[in-house]
PDB file of N, CA and C in Angstrom:
ATOM      1  N   MET A   1      75.015 123.265  17.835  1.00  0.00           N
ATOM      2  CA  MET A   1      75.609 123.866  19.753  1.00  0.00           C
ATOM      3  C   MET A   1      74.614 124.005  20.158  1.00  0.00           C
ATOM      4  N   GLY A   2      74.250 123.657  21.898  1.00  0.00           N
ATOM      5  CA  GLY A   2      73.197 123.968  22.303  1.00  0.00           C
ATOM      6  C   GLY A   2      73.395 125.756  22.639  1.00  0.00           C
ATOM      7  N   GLN A   3      72.234 126.006  23.475  1.00  0.00           N
ATOM      8  CA  GLN A   3      72.288 127.472  23.643  1.00  0.00           C
ATOM      9  C   GLN A   3      73.318 127.619  25.275  1.00  0.00           C
ATOM     10  N   ASP A   4      72.957 126.420  25.926  1.00  0.00           N
ATOM     11  CA  ASP A   4      74.016 126.065  27.458  1.00  0.00           C
ATOM     12  C   ASP A   4      75.353 126.037  27.201  1.00  0.00           C
ATOM     13  N   GLU A   5      75.827 125.385  26.100  1.00  0.00           N
ATOM     14  CA  GLU A   5      77.417 125.123  25.291  1.00  0.00           C
ATOM     15  C   GLU A   5      77.875 126.161  24.786  1.00  0.00           C
ATOM     16  N   LEU A   6      79.263 126.397  25.561  1.00  0.00           N
ATOM     17  CA  LEU A   6      80.348 127.398  25.554  1.00  0.00           C
ATOM     18  C   LEU A   6      80.807 127.638  23.612  1.00  0.00           C
ATOM     19  N   THR A   7      81.145 128.288  23.061  1.00  0.00           N
ATOM     20  CA  THR A   7      81.929 128.401  21.844  1.00  0.00           C
ATOM     21  C   THR A   7      83.473 128.232  22.012  1.00  0.00           C
ATOM     22  N   HIS A   8      83.783 127.456  21.083  1.00  0.00           N
ATOM     23  CA  HIS A   8      85.438 127.440  20.902  1.00  0.00           C
ATOM     24  C   HIS A   8      86.147 128.428  21.929  1.00  0.00           C
ATOM     25  N   ASP A   9      85.736 129.303  21.279  1.00  0.00           N
ATOM     26  CA  ASP A   9      86.226 130.804  21.903  1.00  0.00           C
ATOM     27  C   ASP A   9      86.320 130.887  23.265  1.00  0.00           C
ATOM     28  N   GLU A  10      85.353 131.047  23.656  1.00  0.00           N
ATOM     29  CA  GLU A  10      84.791 131.065  25.118  1.00  0.00           C
ATOM     30  C   GLU A  10      85.588 129.303  25.744  1.00  0.00           C
ATOM     31  N   VAL A  11      85.857 128.260  25.393  1.00  0.00           N
ATOM     32  CA  VAL A  11      86.337 127.300  26.349  1.00  0.00           C
ATOM     33  C   VAL A  11      87.840 127.590  26.092  1.00  0.00           C
ATOM     34  N   VAL A  12      88.296 127.897  25.120  1.00  0.00           N
ATOM     35  CA  VAL A  12      89.653 128.286  24.973  1.00  0.00           C
ATOM     36  C   VAL A  12      90.132 129.819  26.221  1.00  0.00           C
ATOM     37  N   ALA A  13      89.707 130.486  26.598  1.00  0.00           N
ATOM     38  CA  ALA A  13      89.538 131.685  27.053  1.00  0.00           C
ATOM     39  C   ALA A  13      89.779 131.602  28.265  1.00  0.00           C
ATOM     40  N   ARG A  14      88.629 130.397  28.292  1.00  0.00           N
ATOM     41  CA  ARG A  14      88.463 129.924  30.365  1.00  0.00           C
ATOM     42  C   ARG A  14      89.585 129.377  30.381  1.00  0.00           C
ATOM     43  N   SER A  15      89.965 128.559  29.584  1.00  0.00           N
ATOM     44  CA  SER A  15      91.493 127.058  29.738  1.00  0.00           C
ATOM     45  C   SER A  15      92.668 127.897  29.647  1.00  0.00           C
ATOM     46  N   ASP A  16      92.341 129.284  29.017  1.00  0.00           N
ATOM     47  CA  ASP A  16      93.828 129.889  29.406  1.00  0.00           C
ATOM     48  C   ASP A  16      93.898 130.643  30.367  1.00  0.00           C
ATOM     49  N   MET A  17      92.996 130.929  31.517  1.00  0.00           N
ATOM     50  CA  MET A  17      92.917 131.563  32.872  1.00  0.00           C
ATOM     51  C   MET A  17      93.182 130.564  33.554  1.00  0.00           C
ATOM     52  N   ALA A  18      92.386 129.190  33.572  1.00  0.00           N
ATOM     53  CA  ALA A  18      92.490 128.403  34.537  1.00  0.00           C
ATOM     54  C   ALA A  18      93.754 128.125  34.892  1.00  0.00           C
ATOM     55  N   ARG A  19      95.075 128.072  33.494  1.00  0.00           N
ATOM     56  CA  ARG A  19      96.295 127.738  33.426  1.00  0.00           C
ATOM     57  C   ARG A  19      97.214 128.639  34.756  1.00  0.00           C
ATOM     58  N   PHE A  20      96.971 129.586  34.799  1.00  0.00           N
ATOM     59  CA  PHE A  20      97.252 130.385  35.626  1.00  0.00           C
ATOM     60  C   PHE A  20      96.602 130.727  37.235  1.00  0.00           C
ATOM     61  N   LEU A  21      95.786 129.408  37.251  1.00  0.00           N
ATOM     62  CA  LEU A  21      94.962 129.996  38.619  1.00  0.00           C
ATOM     63  C   LEU A  21      95.353 128.387  39.315  1.00  0.00           C
ATOM     64  N   GLN A  22      95.943 127.896  40.401  1.00  0.00           N
ATOM     65  CA  GLN A  22      96.386 126.725  41.066  1.00  0.00           C
ATOM     66  C   GLN A  22      94.842 126.481  41.369  1.00  0.00           C
ATOM     67  N   PRO A  23      93.978 125.375  41.951  1.00  0.00           N
ATOM     68  CA  PRO A  23      93.106 125.440  42.950  1.00  0.00           C
ATOM     69  C   PRO A  23      93.443 125.652  43.778  1.00  0.00           C
ATOM     70  N   SER A  24      95.005 124.958  44.296  1.00  0.00           N
ATOM     71  CA  SER A  24      94.859 125.706  45.803  1.00  0.00           C
ATOM     72  C   SER A  24      94.984 127.190  46.582  1.00  0.00           C
ATOM     73  N   ALA A  25      94.573 128.321  45.176  1.00  0.00           N
ATOM     74  CA  ALA A  25      94.519 128.910  45.592  1.00  0.00           C
ATOM     75  C   ALA A  25      93.392 129.403  45.751  1.00  0.00           C
ATOM     76  N   PHE A  26      92.383 128.759  46.386  1.00  0.00           N
ATOM     77  CA  PHE A  26      91.521 129.294  46.058  1.00  0.00           C
ATOM     78  C   PHE A  26      90.624 128.007  47.388  1.00  0.00           C
ATOM     79  N   PRO A  27      90.023 128.905  48.464  1.00  0.00           N
ATOM     80  CA  PRO A  27      89.024 130.213  48.630  1.00  0.00           C
ATOM     81  C   PRO A  27      89.872 131.354  48.608  1.00  0.00           C
ATOM     82  N   ALA A  28      89.261 132.224  47.600  1.00  0.00           N
ATOM     83  CA  ALA A  28      89.953 133.396  47.886  1.00  0.00           C
ATOM     84  C   ALA A  28      89.643 135.032  47.412  1.00  0.00           C
ATOM     85  N   LYS A  29      89.952 135.859  47.574  1.00  0.00           N
ATOM     86  CA  LYS A  29      89.509 137.040  46.788  1.00  0.00           C
ATOM     87  C   LYS A  29      90.062 137.786  45.791  1.00  0.00           C
ATOM     88  N   LYS A  30      90.155 138.918  45.348  1.00  0.00           N
ATOM     89  CA  LYS A  30      90.568 139.748  44.111  1.00  0.00           C
ATOM     90  C   LYS A  30      91.841 139.814  44.393  1.00  0.00           C
ATOM     91  N   SER A  31      92.447 139.747  45.457  1.00  0.00           N
ATOM     92  CA  SER A  31      93.809 140.080  45.844  1.00  0.00           C
ATOM     93  C   SER A  31      94.494 138.837  45.421  1.00  0.00           C
ATOM     94  N   ALA A  32      94.446 138.509  46.346  1.00  0.00           N
ATOM     95  CA  ALA A  32      94.785 136.715  46.311  1.00  0.00           C
ATOM     96  C   ALA A  32      94.994 136.122  44.881  1.00  0.00           C
ATOM     97  N   VAL A  33      93.456 136.530  44.101  1.00  0.00           N
ATOM     98  CA  VAL A  33      93.493 135.930  42.996  1.00  0.00           C
ATOM     99  C   VAL A  33      94.556 135.985  41.725  1.00  0.00           C
ATOM    100  N   VAL A  34      94.110 137.633  41.674  1.00  0.00           N
ATOM    101  CA  VAL A  34      95.878 138.630  41.244  1.00  0.00           C
ATOM    102  C   VAL A  34      96.629 138.053  41.578  1.00  0.00           C
ATOM    103  N   ALA A  35      97.145 138.064  42.593  1.00  0.00           N
ATOM    104  CA  ALA A  35      98.765 137.157  43.074  1.00  0.00           C
ATOM    105  C   ALA A  35      98.777 136.239  42.522  1.00  0.00           C
ATOM    106  N   SER A  36      98.099 135.322  42.777  1.00  0.00           N
ATOM    107  CA  SER A  36      98.150 133.902  42.006  1.00  0.00           C
ATOM    108  C   SER A  36      98.446 133.518  40.830  1.00  0.00           C
ATOM    109  N   ALA A  37      97.667 134.761  40.044  1.00  0.00           N
ATOM    110  CA  ALA A  37      98.221 134.664  38.684  1.00  0.00           C
ATOM    111  C   ALA A  37      99.672 135.018  38.451  1.00  0.00           C
ATOM    112  N   ARG A  38      99.359 136.138  39.030  1.00  0.00           N
ATOM    113  CA  ARG A  38     101.456 136.753  38.739  1.00  0.00           C
ATOM    114  C   ARG A  38     102.317 135.833  39.124  1.00  0.00           C
ATOM    115  N   LYS A  39     101.926 135.155  40.082  1.00  0.00           N
ATOM    116  CA  LYS A  39     102.911 134.486  40.641  1.00  0.00           C
ATOM    117  C   LYS A  39     103.051 133.131  39.384  1.00  0.00           C
ATOM    118  N   ASP A  40     102.560 132.657  38.998  1.00  0.00           N
ATOM    119  CA  ASP A  40     102.439 132.234  38.052  1.00  0.00           C
ATOM    120  C   ASP A  40     102.375 132.366  36.502  1.00  0.00           C
ATOM    121  N   GLU A  41     102.997 133.677  36.263  1.00  0.00           N
ATOM    122  CA  GLU A  41     103.343 134.509  35.216  1.00  0.00           C
ATOM    123  C   GLU A  41     102.391 134.218  34.099  1.00  0.00           C
ATOM    124  N   ALA A  42     100.996 135.345  34.684  1.00  0.00           N
ATOM    125  CA  ALA A  42     100.143 134.929  33.565  1.00  0.00           C
ATOM    126  C   ALA A  42     100.289 136.148  32.436  1.00  0.00           C
ATOM    127  N   PRO A  43     100.013 135.786  31.303  1.00  0.00           N
ATOM    128  CA  PRO A  43     100.302 137.548  30.606  1.00  0.00           C
ATOM    129  C   PRO A  43      99.100 138.401  30.811  1.00  0.00           C
ATOM    130  N   GLY A  44      99.508 139.813  30.106  1.00  0.00           N
ATOM    131  CA  GLY A  44      99.154 140.630  30.082  1.00  0.00           C
ATOM    132  C   GLY A  44      97.568 140.455  30.155  1.00  0.00           C
ATOM    133  N   HIS A  45      97.371 139.973  29.329  1.00  0.00           N
ATOM    134  CA  HIS A  45      95.434 139.553  28.880  1.00  0.00           C
ATOM    135  C   HIS A  45      94.622 138.604  30.145  1.00  0.00           C
ATOM    136  N   VAL A  46      95.377 138.352  30.554  1.00  0.00           N
ATOM    137  CA  VAL A  46      94.682 137.187  31.781  1.00  0.00           C
ATOM    138  C   VAL A  46      94.592 138.508  33.142  1.00  0.00           C
ATOM    139  N   LEU A  47      95.793 138.984  33.492  1.00  0.00           N
ATOM    140  CA  LEU A  47      95.566 139.636  34.465  1.00  0.00           C
ATOM    141  C   LEU A  47      95.169 140.839  34.352  1.00  0.00           C
ATOM    142  N   ALA A  48      94.865 141.496  33.109  1.00  0.00           N
ATOM    143  CA  ALA A  48      93.892 142.807  32.817  1.00  0.00           C
ATOM    144  C   ALA A  48      92.215 142.374  33.066  1.00  0.00           C
ATOM    145  N   GLU A  49      91.634 140.928  32.414  1.00  0.00           N
ATOM    146  CA  GLU A  49      90.877 140.178  32.827  1.00  0.00           C
ATOM    147  C   GLU A  49      90.668 140.341  34.770  1.00  0.00           C
ATOM    148  N   LEU A  50      91.515 139.830  35.535  1.00  0.00           N
ATOM    149  CA  LEU A  50      91.604 139.459  36.499  1.00  0.00           C
ATOM    150  C   LEU A  50      90.675 140.983  37.322  1.00  0.00           C
ATOM    151  N   GLU A  51      91.644 141.739  36.789  1.00  0.00           N
ATOM    152  CA  GLU A  51      92.253 142.816  37.592  1.00  0.00           C
ATOM    153  C   GLU A  51      90.100 143.468  37.979  1.00  0.00           C
ATOM    154  N   ARG A  52      89.344 143.123  37.082  1.00  0.00           N
ATOM    155  CA  ARG A  52      88.094 143.676  36.716  1.00  0.00           C
ATOM    156  C   ARG A  52      87.435 143.197  37.860  1.00  0.00           C
ATOM    157  N   LEU A  53      87.935 141.717  38.787  1.00  0.00           N
ATOM    158  CA  LEU A  53      87.220 141.438  39.561  1.00  0.00           C
ATOM    159  C   LEU A  53      86.942 142.439  40.738  1.00  0.00           C
ATOM    160  N   PRO A  54      85.617 141.836  41.161  1.00  0.00           N
ATOM    161  CA  PRO A  54      84.818 142.954  42.630  1.00  0.00           C
ATOM    162  C   PRO A  54      85.890 142.595  43.656  1.00  0.00           C
ATOM    163  N   ALA A  55      86.453 143.487  44.010  1.00  0.00           N
ATOM    164  CA  ALA A  55      87.808 143.095  45.452  1.00  0.00           C
ATOM    165  C   ALA A  55      86.565 142.181  46.497  1.00  0.00           C
ATOM    166  N   ASP A  56      85.493 142.720  46.813  1.00  0.00           N
ATOM    167  CA  ASP A  56      85.409 142.154  47.964  1.00  0.00           C
ATOM    168  C   ASP A  56      84.346 140.976  48.315  1.00  0.00           C
ATOM    169  N   VAL A  57      84.631 139.887  47.211  1.00  0.00           N
ATOM    170  CA  VAL A  57      83.440 138.957  46.670  1.00  0.00           C
ATOM    171  C   VAL A  57      84.848 138.029  47.368  1.00  0.00           C
ATOM    172  N   GLU A  58      84.401 136.590  47.660  1.00  0.00           N
ATOM    173  CA  GLU A  58      85.600 136.016  47.893  1.00  0.00           C
ATOM    174  C   GLU A  58      85.313 134.626  46.663  1.00  0.00           C
ATOM    175  N   PHE A  59      85.923 133.851  46.136  1.00  0.00           N
ATOM    176  CA  PHE A  59      85.827 133.066  44.895  1.00  0.00           C
ATOM    177  C   PHE A  59      85.687 131.598  45.093  1.00  0.00           C
ATOM    178  N   SER A  60      85.138 130.811  44.894  1.00  0.00           N
ATOM    179  CA  SER A  60      85.810 129.584  45.234  1.00  0.00           C
ATOM    180  C   SER A  60      86.310 128.592  44.047  1.00  0.00           C
ATOM    181  N   ASN A  61      86.192 128.822  43.160  1.00  0.00           N
ATOM    182  CA  ASN A  61      86.630 128.406  42.455  1.00  0.00           C
ATOM    183  C   ASN A  61      87.273 129.158  41.030  1.00  0.00           C
ATOM    184  N   VAL A  62      87.802 128.602  40.035  1.00  0.00           N
ATOM    185  CA  VAL A  62      87.951 128.955  38.499  1.00  0.00           C
ATOM    186  C   VAL A  62      86.387 129.463  38.108  1.00  0.00           C
ATOM    187  N   ALA A  63      85.859 128.644  38.218  1.00  0.00           N
ATOM    188  CA  ALA A  63      84.710 129.025  37.526  1.00  0.00           C
ATOM    189  C   ALA A  63      83.940 130.060  37.863  1.00  0.00           C
ATOM    190  N   ALA A  64      84.220 130.212  39.254  1.00  0.00           N
ATOM    191  CA  ALA A  64      83.482 131.396  40.014  1.00  0.00           C
ATOM    192  C   ALA A  64      83.910 132.539  39.667  1.00  0.00           C
ATOM    193  N   VAL A  65      85.408 132.769  39.576  1.00  0.00           N
ATOM    194  CA  VAL A  65      86.143 133.845  39.053  1.00  0.00           C
ATOM    195  C   VAL A  65      85.646 133.965  37.687  1.00  0.00           C
ATOM    196  N   TRP A  66      85.428 133.091  36.767  1.00  0.00           N
ATOM    197  CA  TRP A  66      84.945 133.302  35.349  1.00  0.00           C
ATOM    198  C   TRP A  66      83.456 134.112  35.031  1.00  0.00           C
ATOM    199  N   GLU A  67      82.478 133.568  35.710  1.00  0.00           N
ATOM    200  CA  GLU A  67      81.450 133.897  36.156  1.00  0.00           C
ATOM    201  C   GLU A  67      80.786 135.694  36.316  1.00  0.00           C
ATOM    202  N   ALA A  68      82.180 135.327  37.480  1.00  0.00           N
ATOM    203  CA  ALA A  68      82.255 136.691  37.723  1.00  0.00           C
ATOM    204  C   ALA A  68      82.403 137.800  37.218  1.00  0.00           C
ATOM    205  N   LEU A  69      83.402 137.575  35.987  1.00  0.00           N
ATOM    206  CA  LEU A  69      83.469 138.241  34.987  1.00  0.00           C
ATOM    207  C   LEU A  69      82.428 138.703  33.709  1.00  0.00           C
ATOM    208  N   GLY A  70      81.559 137.874  34.302  1.00  0.00           N
ATOM    209  CA  GLY A  70      80.450 138.372  33.042  1.00  0.00           C
ATOM    210  C   GLY A  70      80.788 136.997  32.078  1.00  0.00           C
ATOM    211  N   HIS A  71      80.931 136.070  32.295  1.00  0.00           N
ATOM    212  CA  HIS A  71      81.445 135.274  30.833  1.00  0.00           C
ATOM    213  C   HIS A  71      80.384 134.036  31.098  1.00  0.00           C
ATOM    214  N   ARG A  72      79.808 133.587  30.621  1.00  0.00           N
ATOM    215  CA  ARG A  72      79.043 132.549  30.238  1.00  0.00           C
ATOM    216  C   ARG A  72      79.488 131.265  30.684  1.00  0.00           C
ATOM    217  N   THR A  73      78.612 130.258  31.415  1.00  0.00           N
ATOM    218  CA  THR A  73      79.153 128.619  32.182  1.00  0.00           C
ATOM    219  C   THR A  73      77.758 128.105  31.527  1.00  0.00           C
ATOM    220  N   GLU A  74      78.349 126.553  31.448  1.00  0.00           N
ATOM    221  CA  GLU A  74      78.053 125.372  31.118  1.00  0.00           C
ATOM    222  C   GLU A  74      76.909 125.090  32.106  1.00  0.00           C
ATOM    223  N   HIS A  75      75.767 124.804  31.685  1.00  0.00           N
ATOM    224  CA  HIS A  75      74.988 124.323  32.965  1.00  0.00           C
ATOM    225  C   HIS A  75      74.469 122.686  32.124  1.00  0.00           C
ATOM    226  N   ARG A  76      74.745 121.808  32.818  1.00  0.00           N
ATOM    227  CA  ARG A  76      74.902 120.172  32.268  1.00  0.00           C
ATOM    228  C   ARG A  76      73.704 119.958  33.412  1.00  0.00           C
ATOM    229  N   PRO A  77      72.608 119.226  32.829  1.00  0.00           N
ATOM    230  CA  PRO A  77      71.804 118.781  33.232  1.00  0.00           C
ATOM    231  C   PRO A  77      72.094 117.918  34.419  1.00  0.00           C
ATOM    232  N   VAL A  78      71.412 117.390  35.443  1.00  0.00           N
ATOM    233  CA  VAL A  78      71.958 116.526  36.431  1.00  0.00           C
ATOM    234  C   VAL A  78      70.910 115.106  36.418  1.00  0.00           C
ATOM    235  N   THR A  79      71.622 114.228  36.812  1.00  0.00           N
ATOM    236  CA  THR A  79      70.947 112.860  36.023  1.00  0.00           C
ATOM    237  C   THR A  79      71.239 111.873  37.510  1.00  0.00           C
TER     238      THR A  79
END
């Protein structure tokens, strides 16, 4: 596994979060992200993660949310 590749557990955690964040919810600030996840009945552990987001930042997509929470992201080479 390369240095920039996510572990299986990281991929599963990001996918689990993404299941409860609809693309149509973005761009959005923390309050709208959390509200979207609640509307889609996200489990407590996902909501707890989202509650850690900074309130004053607008997120463009799930990847931006994931990164704002301090998680690693993949960096694919541009070809």
